[in-house]
Amino acid sequence: MEKVIVYTDGACSGNPGPGGWGAIIYGDENVSLAGSAKRTTNNRMEMTAALEALRYFDEPTEVHIHTDSAYLSRAFTDRWINKWQRNGWKTSSKKPVENQDLWKALLKEVDRHDVHWVKVKGHADDERNIQADALAVSAMQAQL
């Protein structure tokens, strides 16, 4: 199974507002992915970046996703997503989980791959995180 490193980020002007996402896949060759939405949230863009990165791979792959989104990484590392599923996609306060469409799509992709979630500090000195952020911001600015 191939092993790759992926850095993802999302950006939003307003929340909700125009948004963008970026992902950089570091493997045999580096691949940059990006996209945008006219009206979205930062969380949706963070999730979309990871989702689109995972969808990029045709074959099962060991993917180490680096994200500065605690919401995204902790949903998997702290197994929030398992609890949400068991509770019929309700939070511990019995409210519907937001972004269910993206969570369900992410689960489908996570099942295909060996995914490792790595939380990085946002807007720090991590060059790869800065590059993913630049992709997301550039994609967002196309919607302004």
N, C-alpha and C. Protein backbone atom coordinates (compact mmCIF):
# COMPACT_ATOMS: atom_id res chain seq x y z
N MET A 1 0.85 -1.18 0.00
CA MET A 1 0.00 0.00 0.00
C MET A 1 0.90 1.24 0.00
N GLU A 2 0.62 2.13 -0.93
CA GLU A 2 1.38 3.37 -1.02
C GLU A 2 1.10 4.24 0.21
N LYS A 3 2.13 4.96 0.67
CA LYS A 3 1.99 5.89 1.79
C LYS A 3 2.22 7.31 1.28
N VAL A 4 1.29 8.21 1.62
CA VAL A 4 1.42 9.61 1.22
C VAL A 4 1.13 10.52 2.41
N ILE A 5 1.67 11.72 2.30
CA ILE A 5 1.42 12.78 3.26
C ILE A 5 0.53 13.80 2.56
N VAL A 6 -0.51 14.25 3.26
CA VAL A 6 -1.42 15.25 2.71
C VAL A 6 -1.58 16.38 3.72
N TYR A 7 -1.50 17.60 3.23
CA TYR A 7 -1.81 18.78 4.05
C TYR A 7 -3.06 19.41 3.48
N THR A 8 -4.00 19.73 4.36
CA THR A 8 -5.27 20.31 3.92
C THR A 8 -5.56 21.58 4.72
N ASP A 9 -6.39 22.43 4.11
CA ASP A 9 -6.86 23.61 4.84
C ASP A 9 -8.11 24.14 4.17
N GLY A 10 -8.88 24.88 4.96
CA GLY A 10 -10.07 25.54 4.47
C GLY A 10 -10.04 27.00 4.86
N ALA A 11 -10.75 27.82 4.11
CA ALA A 11 -10.82 29.26 4.40
C ALA A 11 -12.22 29.74 4.10
N CYS A 12 -12.64 30.75 4.84
CA CYS A 12 -13.98 31.30 4.64
C CYS A 12 -13.96 32.78 4.99
N SER A 13 -14.61 33.59 4.15
CA SER A 13 -14.75 35.01 4.43
C SER A 13 -16.15 35.24 4.96
N GLY A 14 -16.25 35.34 6.27
CA GLY A 14 -17.55 35.29 6.92
C GLY A 14 -17.83 33.83 7.22
N ASN A 15 -18.77 33.59 8.08
CA ASN A 15 -19.05 32.19 8.43
C ASN A 15 -20.54 32.08 8.75
N PRO A 16 -21.41 31.92 7.75
CA PRO A 16 -21.08 31.51 6.37
C PRO A 16 -20.68 32.68 5.48
N GLY A 17 -20.10 32.29 4.35
CA GLY A 17 -19.67 33.24 3.34
C GLY A 17 -18.93 32.51 2.24
N PRO A 18 -18.30 33.23 1.34
CA PRO A 18 -17.51 32.58 0.30
C PRO A 18 -16.35 31.81 0.93
N GLY A 19 -16.08 30.62 0.41
CA GLY A 19 -15.03 29.81 1.00
C GLY A 19 -14.20 29.10 -0.03
N GLY A 20 -13.06 28.59 0.43
CA GLY A 20 -12.17 27.82 -0.42
C GLY A 20 -11.49 26.73 0.38
N TRP A 21 -11.01 25.74 -0.33
CA TRP A 21 -10.27 24.65 0.31
C TRP A 21 -9.05 24.31 -0.54
N GLY A 22 -8.05 23.79 0.12
CA GLY A 22 -6.84 23.39 -0.57
C GLY A 22 -6.27 22.13 0.04
N ALA A 23 -5.66 21.31 -0.80
CA ALA A 23 -4.99 20.08 -0.34
C ALA A 23 -3.74 19.88 -1.19
N ILE A 24 -2.67 19.52 -0.52
CA ILE A 24 -1.44 19.20 -1.24
C ILE A 24 -1.05 17.78 -0.88
N ILE A 25 -0.89 16.96 -1.90
CA ILE A 25 -0.53 15.56 -1.73
C ILE A 25 0.96 15.43 -2.02
N TYR A 26 1.69 14.95 -1.02
CA TYR A 26 3.13 14.76 -1.15
C TYR A 26 3.39 13.27 -1.31
N GLY A 27 3.76 12.87 -2.52
CA GLY A 27 4.05 11.48 -2.82
C GLY A 27 5.17 11.41 -3.82
N ASP A 28 5.08 10.46 -4.76
CA ASP A 28 6.09 10.37 -5.81
C ASP A 28 6.20 11.69 -6.57
N GLU A 29 5.05 12.33 -6.76
CA GLU A 29 5.02 13.70 -7.28
C GLU A 29 3.99 14.46 -6.46
N ASN A 30 4.21 15.74 -6.28
CA ASN A 30 3.29 16.55 -5.49
C ASN A 30 2.11 16.98 -6.34
N VAL A 31 0.92 16.92 -5.74
CA VAL A 31 -0.30 17.30 -6.45
C VAL A 31 -1.05 18.30 -5.58
N SER A 32 -1.47 19.41 -6.18
CA SER A 32 -2.27 20.41 -5.48
C SER A 32 -3.71 20.33 -5.97
N LEU A 33 -4.63 20.35 -5.03
CA LEU A 33 -6.06 20.35 -5.33
C LEU A 33 -6.68 21.55 -4.63
N ALA A 34 -7.69 22.16 -5.25
CA ALA A 34 -8.35 23.30 -4.62
C ALA A 34 -9.74 23.46 -5.21
N GLY A 35 -10.59 24.12 -4.45
CA GLY A 35 -11.94 24.40 -4.92
C GLY A 35 -12.58 25.44 -4.03
N SER A 36 -13.80 25.83 -4.38
CA SER A 36 -14.45 26.90 -3.64
C SER A 36 -15.96 26.71 -3.64
N ALA A 37 -16.61 27.51 -2.82
CA ALA A 37 -18.07 27.54 -2.74
C ALA A 37 -18.50 28.98 -2.46
N LYS A 38 -19.63 29.36 -3.03
CA LYS A 38 -20.12 30.74 -2.87
C LYS A 38 -20.58 31.04 -1.46
N ARG A 39 -21.26 30.08 -0.83
CA ARG A 39 -21.78 30.30 0.54
C ARG A 39 -21.56 29.02 1.33
N THR A 40 -20.66 29.10 2.29
CA THR A 40 -20.27 27.91 3.03
C THR A 40 -19.75 28.33 4.40
N THR A 41 -19.19 27.36 5.12
CA THR A 41 -18.57 27.64 6.42
C THR A 41 -17.13 27.15 6.41
N ASN A 42 -16.36 27.64 7.35
CA ASN A 42 -14.97 27.20 7.45
C ASN A 42 -14.90 25.69 7.70
N ASN A 43 -15.75 25.18 8.58
CA ASN A 43 -15.72 23.73 8.86
C ASN A 43 -15.99 22.93 7.59
N ARG A 44 -16.95 23.35 6.79
CA ARG A 44 -17.25 22.63 5.55
C ARG A 44 -16.04 22.64 4.61
N MET A 45 -15.33 23.76 4.56
CA MET A 45 -14.17 23.83 3.67
C MET A 45 -13.03 22.95 4.20
N GLU A 46 -12.83 22.91 5.51
CA GLU A 46 -11.82 22.02 6.10
C GLU A 46 -12.13 20.57 5.77
N MET A 47 -13.39 20.20 5.92
CA MET A 47 -13.81 18.82 5.65
C MET A 47 -13.71 18.49 4.16
N THR A 48 -14.09 19.43 3.32
CA THR A 48 -14.05 19.20 1.87
C THR A 48 -12.62 18.99 1.40
N ALA A 49 -11.68 19.72 1.97
CA ALA A 49 -10.28 19.55 1.59
C ALA A 49 -9.82 18.12 1.85
N ALA A 50 -10.14 17.59 3.02
CA ALA A 50 -9.75 16.21 3.35
C ALA A 50 -10.49 15.22 2.47
N LEU A 51 -11.77 15.45 2.26
CA LEU A 51 -12.58 14.55 1.43
C LEU A 51 -12.04 14.47 0.01
N GLU A 52 -11.78 15.62 -0.60
CA GLU A 52 -11.30 15.63 -1.98
C GLU A 52 -9.91 15.02 -2.10
N ALA A 53 -9.09 15.22 -1.08
CA ALA A 53 -7.77 14.58 -1.09
C ALA A 53 -7.92 13.06 -1.08
N LEU A 54 -8.80 12.54 -0.25
CA LEU A 54 -9.00 11.09 -0.18
C LEU A 54 -9.62 10.56 -1.47
N ARG A 55 -10.51 11.32 -2.06
CA ARG A 55 -11.15 10.90 -3.32
C ARG A 55 -10.14 10.85 -4.48
N TYR A 56 -9.06 11.55 -4.34
CA TYR A 56 -8.04 11.61 -5.40
C TYR A 56 -7.45 10.22 -5.69
N PHE A 57 -7.36 9.39 -4.67
CA PHE A 57 -6.70 8.10 -4.82
C PHE A 57 -7.64 7.02 -5.34
N ASP A 58 -7.22 6.37 -6.43
CA ASP A 58 -8.02 5.29 -7.01
C ASP A 58 -7.91 4.01 -6.20
N GLU A 59 -6.73 3.76 -5.68
CA GLU A 59 -6.45 2.53 -4.94
C GLU A 59 -6.35 2.82 -3.45
N PRO A 60 -6.60 1.81 -2.62
CA PRO A 60 -6.41 2.00 -1.17
C PRO A 60 -4.99 2.50 -0.89
N THR A 61 -4.91 3.52 -0.05
CA THR A 61 -3.64 4.20 0.21
C THR A 61 -3.52 4.50 1.69
N GLU A 62 -2.30 4.46 2.20
CA GLU A 62 -2.05 4.93 3.56
C GLU A 62 -1.87 6.44 3.48
N VAL A 63 -2.81 7.16 4.06
CA VAL A 63 -2.83 8.61 3.94
C VAL A 63 -2.69 9.24 5.33
N HIS A 64 -1.68 10.09 5.47
CA HIS A 64 -1.48 10.85 6.70
C HIS A 64 -1.95 12.27 6.41
N ILE A 65 -3.15 12.59 6.91
CA ILE A 65 -3.75 13.90 6.65
C ILE A 65 -3.39 14.85 7.78
N HIS A 66 -2.70 15.91 7.41
CA HIS A 66 -2.32 16.97 8.35
C HIS A 66 -3.34 18.10 8.19
N THR A 67 -3.98 18.45 9.28
CA THR A 67 -5.01 19.48 9.27
C THR A 67 -4.86 20.36 10.49
N ASP A 68 -5.22 21.63 10.35
CA ASP A 68 -5.23 22.51 11.52
C ASP A 68 -6.62 22.59 12.13
N SER A 69 -7.54 21.78 11.64
CA SER A 69 -8.91 21.76 12.15
C SER A 69 -9.07 20.72 13.27
N ALA A 70 -9.22 21.21 14.49
CA ALA A 70 -9.46 20.31 15.61
C ALA A 70 -10.80 19.59 15.42
N TYR A 71 -11.78 20.29 14.89
CA TYR A 71 -13.11 19.71 14.63
C TYR A 71 -12.98 18.47 13.75
N LEU A 72 -12.24 18.58 12.67
CA LEU A 72 -12.08 17.46 11.75
C LEU A 72 -11.23 16.35 12.36
N SER A 73 -10.07 16.68 12.86
CA SER A 73 -9.18 15.62 13.36
C SER A 73 -9.77 14.93 14.58
N ARG A 74 -10.33 15.68 15.50
CA ARG A 74 -10.86 15.06 16.73
C ARG A 74 -12.11 14.22 16.46
N ALA A 75 -12.86 14.55 15.43
CA ALA A 75 -14.02 13.73 15.11
C ALA A 75 -13.60 12.28 14.88
N PHE A 76 -12.40 12.10 14.32
CA PHE A 76 -11.90 10.74 14.07
C PHE A 76 -11.01 10.24 15.20
N THR A 77 -10.06 11.05 15.66
CA THR A 77 -9.12 10.56 16.68
C THR A 77 -9.80 10.35 18.03
N ASP A 78 -10.76 11.19 18.36
CA ASP A 78 -11.50 11.03 19.62
C ASP A 78 -12.79 10.23 19.44
N ARG A 79 -13.01 9.75 18.24
CA ARG A 79 -14.14 8.88 17.89
C ARG A 79 -15.51 9.53 18.08
N TRP A 80 -15.55 10.86 17.95
CA TRP A 80 -16.85 11.53 18.01
C TRP A 80 -17.78 10.98 16.94
N ILE A 81 -17.22 10.72 15.78
CA ILE A 81 -18.04 10.28 14.64
C ILE A 81 -18.72 8.94 14.93
N ASN A 82 -18.05 8.07 15.67
CA ASN A 82 -18.66 6.78 16.05
C ASN A 82 -19.85 7.00 16.97
N LYS A 83 -19.69 7.93 17.92
CA LYS A 83 -20.78 8.25 18.85
C LYS A 83 -21.96 8.87 18.10
N TRP A 84 -21.65 9.76 17.16
CA TRP A 84 -22.72 10.40 16.38
C TRP A 84 -23.52 9.35 15.61
N GLN A 85 -22.83 8.41 15.02
CA GLN A 85 -23.52 7.35 14.27
C GLN A 85 -24.40 6.53 15.20
N ARG A 86 -23.83 6.12 16.33
CA ARG A 86 -24.61 5.31 17.29
C ARG A 86 -25.85 6.05 17.78
N ASN A 87 -25.74 7.39 17.89
CA ASN A 87 -26.84 8.21 18.39
C ASN A 87 -27.75 8.72 17.28
N GLY A 88 -27.69 8.08 16.10
CA GLY A 88 -28.55 8.50 15.00
C GLY A 88 -28.18 9.88 14.47
N TRP A 89 -26.89 10.16 14.42
CA TRP A 89 -26.36 11.45 13.95
C TRP A 89 -26.86 12.61 14.80
N LYS A 90 -26.87 12.37 16.10
CA LYS A 90 -27.19 13.43 17.08
C LYS A 90 -25.96 13.65 17.96
N THR A 91 -25.80 14.90 18.39
CA THR A 91 -24.71 15.22 19.31
C THR A 91 -25.08 14.75 20.72
N SER A 92 -24.15 14.91 21.64
CA SER A 92 -24.44 14.53 23.03
C SER A 92 -25.57 15.38 23.61
N SER A 93 -25.80 16.57 23.04
CA SER A 93 -26.91 17.41 23.50
C SER A 93 -28.19 17.17 22.68
N LYS A 94 -28.18 16.06 21.92
CA LYS A 94 -29.36 15.59 21.16
C LYS A 94 -29.72 16.48 19.96
N LYS A 95 -28.79 17.33 19.54
CA LYS A 95 -29.01 18.15 18.35
C LYS A 95 -28.45 17.41 17.13
N PRO A 96 -29.02 17.64 15.95
CA PRO A 96 -28.47 16.99 14.75
C PRO A 96 -27.03 17.43 14.51
N VAL A 97 -26.19 16.48 14.14
CA VAL A 97 -24.80 16.77 13.80
C VAL A 97 -24.79 17.61 12.53
N GLU A 98 -24.04 18.70 12.56
CA GLU A 98 -23.93 19.53 11.36
C GLU A 98 -23.03 18.85 10.34
N ASN A 99 -23.25 19.15 9.09
CA ASN A 99 -22.41 18.66 7.98
C ASN A 99 -22.46 17.15 7.81
N GLN A 100 -23.60 16.56 8.09
CA GLN A 100 -23.73 15.10 7.99
C GLN A 100 -23.36 14.58 6.60
N ASP A 101 -23.70 15.34 5.57
CA ASP A 101 -23.39 14.89 4.22
C ASP A 101 -21.89 14.69 4.04
N LEU A 102 -21.12 15.62 4.56
CA LEU A 102 -19.66 15.52 4.43
C LEU A 102 -19.09 14.45 5.36
N TRP A 103 -19.62 14.33 6.57
CA TRP A 103 -19.15 13.28 7.48
C TRP A 103 -19.38 11.90 6.86
N LYS A 104 -20.55 11.70 6.29
CA LYS A 104 -20.86 10.40 5.69
C LYS A 104 -19.96 10.12 4.49
N ALA A 105 -19.70 11.13 3.69
CA ALA A 105 -18.79 10.96 2.54
C ALA A 105 -17.37 10.69 3.02
N LEU A 106 -16.94 11.37 4.08
CA LEU A 106 -15.61 11.12 4.64
C LEU A 106 -15.50 9.69 5.17
N LEU A 107 -16.53 9.22 5.85
CA LEU A 107 -16.52 7.84 6.37
C LEU A 107 -16.33 6.84 5.24
N LYS A 108 -17.01 7.07 4.15
CA LYS A 108 -16.89 6.18 2.99
C LYS A 108 -15.45 6.13 2.49
N GLU A 109 -14.81 7.28 2.42
CA GLU A 109 -13.42 7.34 1.96
C GLU A 109 -12.46 6.77 3.00
N VAL A 110 -12.70 7.05 4.26
CA VAL A 110 -11.84 6.53 5.33
C VAL A 110 -11.89 5.00 5.34
N ASP A 111 -13.03 4.43 5.01
CA ASP A 111 -13.15 2.97 4.94
C ASP A 111 -12.31 2.39 3.80
N ARG A 112 -12.08 3.16 2.76
CA ARG A 112 -11.29 2.68 1.60
C ARG A 112 -9.79 2.75 1.84
N HIS A 113 -9.38 3.61 2.74
CA HIS A 113 -7.96 3.89 2.94
C HIS A 113 -7.54 3.62 4.38
N ASP A 114 -6.25 3.66 4.61
CA ASP A 114 -5.68 3.61 5.96
C ASP A 114 -5.32 5.05 6.31
N VAL A 115 -6.24 5.74 7.00
CA VAL A 115 -6.10 7.17 7.23
C VAL A 115 -5.59 7.44 8.64
N HIS A 116 -4.59 8.31 8.72
CA HIS A 116 -4.02 8.76 9.99
C HIS A 116 -4.21 10.27 10.04
N TRP A 117 -4.84 10.74 11.11
CA TRP A 117 -5.13 12.17 11.25
C TRP A 117 -4.05 12.81 12.11
N VAL A 118 -3.48 13.89 11.62
CA VAL A 118 -2.42 14.60 12.32
C VAL A 118 -2.86 16.06 12.49
N LYS A 119 -3.02 16.48 13.73
CA LYS A 119 -3.41 17.87 14.01
C LYS A 119 -2.15 18.73 14.03
N VAL A 120 -2.15 19.78 13.22
CA VAL A 120 -1.04 20.73 13.21
C VAL A 120 -1.54 22.09 13.69
N LYS A 121 -0.64 22.89 14.18
CA LYS A 121 -1.01 24.23 14.62
C LYS A 121 -1.17 25.12 13.39
N GLY A 122 -2.32 25.76 13.28
CA GLY A 122 -2.59 26.63 12.14
C GLY A 122 -1.83 27.94 12.24
N HIS A 123 -1.49 28.48 11.08
CA HIS A 123 -0.84 29.79 10.98
C HIS A 123 0.42 29.86 11.83
N ALA A 124 1.15 28.76 11.85
CA ALA A 124 2.44 28.70 12.56
C ALA A 124 3.55 28.64 11.51
N ASP A 125 4.64 28.01 11.86
CA ASP A 125 5.78 27.97 10.94
C ASP A 125 5.83 26.69 10.11
N ASP A 126 4.73 25.98 10.00
CA ASP A 126 4.70 24.74 9.22
C ASP A 126 4.53 25.11 7.74
N GLU A 127 5.61 25.00 6.98
CA GLU A 127 5.60 25.45 5.59
C GLU A 127 4.51 24.77 4.76
N ARG A 128 4.30 23.49 4.98
CA ARG A 128 3.29 22.77 4.20
C ARG A 128 1.88 23.23 4.56
N ASN A 129 1.64 23.51 5.83
CA ASN A 129 0.34 24.04 6.23
C ASN A 129 0.11 25.42 5.64
N ILE A 130 1.15 26.21 5.59
CA ILE A 130 1.07 27.55 5.00
C ILE A 130 0.73 27.45 3.51
N GLN A 131 1.31 26.48 2.82
CA GLN A 131 1.02 26.28 1.39
C GLN A 131 -0.43 25.85 1.18
N ALA A 132 -0.93 24.94 2.02
CA ALA A 132 -2.33 24.50 1.91
C ALA A 132 -3.27 25.68 2.18
N ASP A 133 -2.92 26.49 3.17
CA ASP A 133 -3.72 27.67 3.49
C ASP A 133 -3.74 28.64 2.30
N ALA A 134 -2.61 28.82 1.66
CA ALA A 134 -2.55 29.73 0.51
C ALA A 134 -3.45 29.24 -0.62
N LEU A 135 -3.48 27.93 -0.84
CA LEU A 135 -4.39 27.37 -1.86
C LEU A 135 -5.84 27.65 -1.51
N ALA A 136 -6.19 27.43 -0.24
CA ALA A 136 -7.58 27.64 0.21
C ALA A 136 -7.98 29.10 0.09
N VAL A 137 -7.10 29.99 0.51
CA VAL A 137 -7.40 31.43 0.44
C VAL A 137 -7.53 31.89 -1.01
N SER A 138 -6.66 31.42 -1.87
CA SER A 138 -6.73 31.78 -3.29
C SER A 138 -8.06 31.30 -3.91
N ALA A 139 -8.45 30.07 -3.58
CA ALA A 139 -9.72 29.55 -4.10
C ALA A 139 -10.90 30.36 -3.55
N MET A 140 -10.83 30.76 -2.27
CA MET A 140 -11.89 31.56 -1.67
C MET A 140 -11.98 32.92 -2.35
N GLN A 141 -10.84 33.54 -2.61
CA GLN A 141 -10.83 34.87 -3.21
C GLN A 141 -11.45 34.88 -4.60
N ALA A 142 -11.45 33.75 -5.27
CA ALA A 142 -12.10 33.66 -6.57
C ALA A 142 -13.61 33.83 -6.45
N GLN A 143 -14.16 33.63 -5.25
CA GLN A 143 -15.60 33.76 -5.02
C GLN A 143 -15.99 35.17 -4.55
N LEU A 144 -15.00 35.99 -4.22
CA LEU A 144 -15.30 37.34 -3.68
C LEU A 144 -15.66 38.30 -4.79
